[in-house]
Amino acid sequence: MAERLKVDGTEPGRLFKDLKRAQESFTALQRVLRVPGVDGLGTADLDKACDRFQEDWRYGTEEIAEQIGRLTDITKKARDDFHEVDVALQRALDQARRKSTDT
């Protein structure tokens, strides 16, 4: 039965890498949004609206980046735990196999 058991252990690692990349993208976006915009391209109302938009996006990207960071940490732990269980299971199966061939 153990010979038929197969689990793809690469997915948690792949998800971790994707989340890490997304977190880096949002961090880069936050740096860009910290830079003051160009004033004087339109009316004072347009400049204010652009500033508010930039502030909203800055806040939103900070929140999203924080949530991605939390999810990345959880995914890393899940990946590490999965690997630990996989190694322990392999050891147990090897030990059971050795015992069965000894008898």
N, C-alpha and C. Protein backbone atom coordinates (compact mmCIF):
# COMPACT_ATOMS: atom_id res chain seq x y z
N MET A 1 0.82 -1.19 0.00
CA MET A 1 0.00 0.00 0.00
C MET A 1 0.86 1.26 0.00
N ALA A 2 1.95 1.25 0.75
CA ALA A 2 2.80 2.44 0.84
C ALA A 2 3.41 2.79 -0.51
N GLU A 3 3.60 1.81 -1.37
CA GLU A 3 4.18 2.09 -2.69
C GLU A 3 3.24 2.95 -3.54
N ARG A 4 1.94 2.90 -3.24
CA ARG A 4 0.97 3.65 -4.04
C ARG A 4 0.71 5.05 -3.49
N LEU A 5 1.18 5.31 -2.30
CA LEU A 5 0.96 6.61 -1.67
C LEU A 5 1.90 7.63 -2.29
N LYS A 6 1.32 8.66 -2.90
CA LYS A 6 2.14 9.69 -3.53
C LYS A 6 1.48 11.04 -3.32
N VAL A 7 2.24 11.96 -2.79
CA VAL A 7 1.76 13.31 -2.53
C VAL A 7 2.75 14.29 -3.15
N ASP A 8 2.22 15.30 -3.82
CA ASP A 8 3.09 16.31 -4.43
C ASP A 8 3.46 17.33 -3.37
N GLY A 9 4.68 17.27 -2.89
CA GLY A 9 5.13 18.17 -1.84
C GLY A 9 5.70 19.47 -2.35
N THR A 10 5.66 19.69 -3.66
CA THR A 10 6.25 20.92 -4.20
C THR A 10 5.28 22.10 -4.16
N GLU A 11 3.99 21.85 -4.05
CA GLU A 11 3.01 22.94 -4.11
C GLU A 11 3.16 23.95 -2.98
N PRO A 12 3.32 23.53 -1.71
CA PRO A 12 3.49 24.56 -0.68
C PRO A 12 4.70 25.46 -0.93
N GLY A 13 5.78 24.89 -1.43
CA GLY A 13 6.97 25.69 -1.73
C GLY A 13 6.72 26.65 -2.88
N ARG A 14 6.01 26.18 -3.88
CA ARG A 14 5.69 27.04 -5.03
C ARG A 14 4.78 28.19 -4.60
N LEU A 15 3.77 27.89 -3.78
CA LEU A 15 2.88 28.93 -3.28
C LEU A 15 3.65 29.95 -2.44
N PHE A 16 4.57 29.47 -1.61
CA PHE A 16 5.40 30.36 -0.80
C PHE A 16 6.19 31.32 -1.69
N LYS A 17 6.81 30.79 -2.75
CA LYS A 17 7.59 31.64 -3.65
C LYS A 17 6.70 32.68 -4.34
N ASP A 18 5.51 32.27 -4.78
CA ASP A 18 4.59 33.21 -5.44
C ASP A 18 4.15 34.31 -4.48
N LEU A 19 3.85 33.93 -3.25
CA LEU A 19 3.44 34.93 -2.27
C LEU A 19 4.58 35.87 -1.93
N LYS A 20 5.78 35.34 -1.82
CA LYS A 20 6.95 36.17 -1.53
C LYS A 20 7.15 37.19 -2.66
N ARG A 21 6.99 36.75 -3.90
CA ARG A 21 7.13 37.65 -5.06
C ARG A 21 6.05 38.73 -5.03
N ALA A 22 4.81 38.35 -4.67
CA ALA A 22 3.72 39.33 -4.58
C ALA A 22 4.01 40.35 -3.49
N GLN A 23 4.52 39.87 -2.37
CA GLN A 23 4.86 40.77 -1.27
C GLN A 23 5.94 41.76 -1.70
N GLU A 24 6.93 41.29 -2.42
CA GLU A 24 7.99 42.18 -2.91
C GLU A 24 7.43 43.21 -3.89
N SER A 25 6.48 42.81 -4.73
CA SER A 25 5.87 43.74 -5.68
C SER A 25 5.10 44.84 -4.94
N PHE A 26 4.35 44.45 -3.92
CA PHE A 26 3.60 45.45 -3.16
C PHE A 26 4.53 46.36 -2.38
N THR A 27 5.62 45.85 -1.89
CA THR A 27 6.59 46.68 -1.19
C THR A 27 7.19 47.71 -2.15
N ALA A 28 7.49 47.29 -3.38
CA ALA A 28 8.01 48.22 -4.38
C ALA A 28 6.96 49.27 -4.73
N LEU A 29 5.71 48.85 -4.82
CA LEU A 29 4.63 49.80 -5.11
C LEU A 29 4.49 50.82 -3.99
N GLN A 30 4.65 50.37 -2.75
CA GLN A 30 4.58 51.30 -1.63
C GLN A 30 5.66 52.37 -1.71
N ARG A 31 6.87 51.96 -2.12
CA ARG A 31 7.96 52.94 -2.26
C ARG A 31 7.60 53.99 -3.30
N VAL A 32 7.02 53.56 -4.40
CA VAL A 32 6.65 54.50 -5.46
C VAL A 32 5.57 55.46 -4.97
N LEU A 33 4.62 54.94 -4.21
CA LEU A 33 3.52 55.79 -3.75
C LEU A 33 3.94 56.77 -2.67
N ARG A 34 5.09 56.55 -2.05
CA ARG A 34 5.59 57.50 -1.04
C ARG A 34 6.16 58.76 -1.68
N VAL A 35 6.55 58.65 -2.94
CA VAL A 35 7.13 59.80 -3.65
C VAL A 35 6.01 60.77 -3.98
N PRO A 36 6.19 62.04 -3.65
CA PRO A 36 5.14 63.01 -3.94
C PRO A 36 4.84 63.06 -5.43
N GLY A 37 3.58 63.28 -5.74
CA GLY A 37 3.16 63.36 -7.13
C GLY A 37 3.55 64.68 -7.76
N VAL A 38 3.24 64.81 -8.99
CA VAL A 38 3.54 66.05 -9.71
C VAL A 38 2.35 66.98 -9.55
N ASP A 39 2.58 68.14 -8.95
CA ASP A 39 1.52 69.14 -8.79
C ASP A 39 1.51 70.06 -10.00
N GLY A 40 0.39 70.68 -10.18
CA GLY A 40 0.29 71.69 -11.21
C GLY A 40 -0.05 71.15 -12.59
N LEU A 41 -0.42 69.88 -12.67
CA LEU A 41 -0.79 69.34 -13.98
C LEU A 41 -2.21 69.70 -14.36
N GLY A 42 -2.98 70.05 -13.36
CA GLY A 42 -4.38 70.40 -13.60
C GLY A 42 -4.83 71.44 -12.62
N THR A 43 -6.12 71.45 -12.37
CA THR A 43 -6.66 72.41 -11.42
C THR A 43 -6.29 71.99 -10.00
N ALA A 44 -6.50 72.87 -9.06
CA ALA A 44 -6.22 72.56 -7.65
C ALA A 44 -7.08 71.37 -7.20
N ASP A 45 -8.34 71.31 -7.68
CA ASP A 45 -9.22 70.20 -7.31
C ASP A 45 -8.68 68.88 -7.86
N LEU A 46 -8.16 68.91 -9.07
CA LEU A 46 -7.59 67.69 -9.66
C LEU A 46 -6.35 67.26 -8.90
N ASP A 47 -5.51 68.22 -8.52
CA ASP A 47 -4.31 67.89 -7.73
C ASP A 47 -4.71 67.26 -6.40
N LYS A 48 -5.74 67.84 -5.73
CA LYS A 48 -6.20 67.28 -4.46
C LYS A 48 -6.76 65.87 -4.65
N ALA A 49 -7.52 65.68 -5.72
CA ALA A 49 -8.10 64.36 -5.99
C ALA A 49 -6.99 63.34 -6.24
N CYS A 50 -5.97 63.74 -6.96
CA CYS A 50 -4.84 62.84 -7.23
C CYS A 50 -4.10 62.51 -5.93
N ASP A 51 -3.93 63.51 -5.07
CA ASP A 51 -3.27 63.27 -3.79
C ASP A 51 -4.09 62.30 -2.93
N ARG A 52 -5.42 62.50 -2.89
CA ARG A 52 -6.28 61.59 -2.12
C ARG A 52 -6.20 60.18 -2.69
N PHE A 53 -6.23 60.08 -4.01
CA PHE A 53 -6.14 58.77 -4.65
C PHE A 53 -4.82 58.08 -4.27
N GLN A 54 -3.73 58.83 -4.32
CA GLN A 54 -2.43 58.28 -3.98
C GLN A 54 -2.39 57.85 -2.52
N GLU A 55 -2.96 58.63 -1.63
CA GLU A 55 -3.02 58.27 -0.22
C GLU A 55 -3.84 56.99 -0.02
N ASP A 56 -5.01 56.93 -0.68
CA ASP A 56 -5.85 55.73 -0.55
C ASP A 56 -5.11 54.49 -1.04
N TRP A 57 -4.46 54.61 -2.17
CA TRP A 57 -3.73 53.47 -2.72
C TRP A 57 -2.56 53.10 -1.83
N ARG A 58 -1.89 54.09 -1.27
CA ARG A 58 -0.78 53.82 -0.37
C ARG A 58 -1.29 53.01 0.83
N TYR A 59 -2.38 53.48 1.43
CA TYR A 59 -2.96 52.76 2.57
C TYR A 59 -3.38 51.35 2.15
N GLY A 60 -4.06 51.24 1.04
CA GLY A 60 -4.53 49.94 0.56
C GLY A 60 -3.40 48.97 0.28
N THR A 61 -2.35 49.45 -0.35
CA THR A 61 -1.23 48.56 -0.65
C THR A 61 -0.50 48.14 0.62
N GLU A 62 -0.44 49.04 1.61
CA GLU A 62 0.17 48.66 2.89
C GLU A 62 -0.63 47.54 3.55
N GLU A 63 -1.95 47.67 3.53
CA GLU A 63 -2.81 46.64 4.11
C GLU A 63 -2.68 45.31 3.37
N ILE A 64 -2.69 45.37 2.06
CA ILE A 64 -2.56 44.15 1.26
C ILE A 64 -1.20 43.50 1.49
N ALA A 65 -0.15 44.31 1.50
CA ALA A 65 1.20 43.77 1.73
C ALA A 65 1.29 43.11 3.10
N GLU A 66 0.66 43.71 4.09
CA GLU A 66 0.67 43.13 5.43
C GLU A 66 -0.05 41.77 5.44
N GLN A 67 -1.19 41.70 4.78
CA GLN A 67 -1.93 40.44 4.71
C GLN A 67 -1.16 39.38 3.93
N ILE A 68 -0.52 39.79 2.84
CA ILE A 68 0.30 38.85 2.08
C ILE A 68 1.46 38.36 2.93
N GLY A 69 2.04 39.25 3.73
CA GLY A 69 3.12 38.85 4.63
C GLY A 69 2.66 37.79 5.62
N ARG A 70 1.49 38.00 6.19
CA ARG A 70 0.95 37.00 7.13
C ARG A 70 0.70 35.67 6.43
N LEU A 71 0.09 35.75 5.25
CA LEU A 71 -0.18 34.53 4.50
C LEU A 71 1.11 33.83 4.08
N THR A 72 2.12 34.61 3.75
CA THR A 72 3.43 34.04 3.39
C THR A 72 4.02 33.30 4.58
N ASP A 73 3.94 33.88 5.76
CA ASP A 73 4.45 33.22 6.97
C ASP A 73 3.71 31.92 7.24
N ILE A 74 2.38 31.95 7.10
CA ILE A 74 1.58 30.75 7.32
C ILE A 74 1.93 29.68 6.30
N THR A 75 2.11 30.09 5.05
CA THR A 75 2.45 29.15 3.99
C THR A 75 3.83 28.54 4.22
N LYS A 76 4.78 29.36 4.67
CA LYS A 76 6.11 28.83 4.96
C LYS A 76 6.04 27.79 6.07
N LYS A 77 5.27 28.08 7.11
CA LYS A 77 5.13 27.11 8.20
C LYS A 77 4.47 25.83 7.69
N ALA A 78 3.43 25.97 6.87
CA ALA A 78 2.77 24.78 6.32
C ALA A 78 3.73 23.98 5.46
N ARG A 79 4.55 24.65 4.66
CA ARG A 79 5.53 23.97 3.82
C ARG A 79 6.53 23.22 4.69
N ASP A 80 7.04 23.89 5.72
CA ASP A 80 8.01 23.25 6.61
C ASP A 80 7.39 22.08 7.37
N ASP A 81 6.16 22.28 7.86
CA ASP A 81 5.47 21.20 8.58
C ASP A 81 5.19 20.02 7.66
N PHE A 82 4.79 20.30 6.43
CA PHE A 82 4.53 19.24 5.46
C PHE A 82 5.80 18.43 5.23
N HIS A 83 6.91 19.12 5.08
CA HIS A 83 8.18 18.42 4.85
C HIS A 83 8.54 17.56 6.05
N GLU A 84 8.35 18.10 7.24
CA GLU A 84 8.66 17.35 8.45
C GLU A 84 7.80 16.07 8.55
N VAL A 85 6.51 16.21 8.28
CA VAL A 85 5.62 15.04 8.31
C VAL A 85 6.00 14.05 7.22
N ASP A 86 6.34 14.56 6.05
CA ASP A 86 6.72 13.69 4.93
C ASP A 86 7.96 12.87 5.28
N VAL A 87 8.95 13.51 5.89
CA VAL A 87 10.17 12.81 6.28
C VAL A 87 9.86 11.77 7.35
N ALA A 88 9.05 12.14 8.34
CA ALA A 88 8.70 11.20 9.41
C ALA A 88 7.91 10.01 8.85
N LEU A 89 7.01 10.28 7.93
CA LEU A 89 6.23 9.20 7.31
C LEU A 89 7.14 8.27 6.52
N GLN A 90 8.07 8.83 5.78
CA GLN A 90 9.00 8.01 5.01
C GLN A 90 9.82 7.12 5.92
N ARG A 91 10.30 7.69 7.03
CA ARG A 91 11.06 6.89 7.99
C ARG A 91 10.21 5.76 8.56
N ALA A 92 8.97 6.07 8.94
CA ALA A 92 8.08 5.05 9.50
C ALA A 92 7.79 3.96 8.49
N LEU A 93 7.57 4.34 7.24
CA LEU A 93 7.31 3.34 6.19
C LEU A 93 8.55 2.48 5.95
N ASP A 94 9.71 3.09 5.93
CA ASP A 94 10.95 2.32 5.76
C ASP A 94 11.15 1.34 6.91
N GLN A 95 10.89 1.82 8.11
CA GLN A 95 11.04 0.96 9.29
C GLN A 95 10.04 -0.20 9.23
N ALA A 96 8.79 0.08 8.86
CA ALA A 96 7.79 -0.97 8.75
C ALA A 96 8.17 -1.97 7.65
N ARG A 97 8.72 -1.47 6.56
CA ARG A 97 9.14 -2.33 5.45
C ARG A 97 10.27 -3.27 5.91
N ARG A 98 11.22 -2.68 6.64
CA ARG A 98 12.34 -3.49 7.16
C ARG A 98 11.84 -4.57 8.12
N LYS A 99 10.91 -4.22 8.98
CA LYS A 99 10.36 -5.19 9.93
C LYS A 99 9.63 -6.31 9.21
N SER A 100 8.90 -5.95 8.15
CA SER A 100 8.15 -6.98 7.43
C SER A 100 9.06 -7.92 6.66
N THR A 101 10.20 -7.44 6.20
CA THR A 101 11.12 -8.32 5.48
C THR A 101 11.96 -9.15 6.45
N ASP A 102 12.09 -8.69 7.70
CA ASP A 102 12.84 -9.44 8.72
C ASP A 102 12.06 -10.65 9.21
N THR A 103 10.74 -10.58 9.15
CA THR A 103 9.93 -11.68 9.68
C THR A 103 9.63 -12.73 8.65
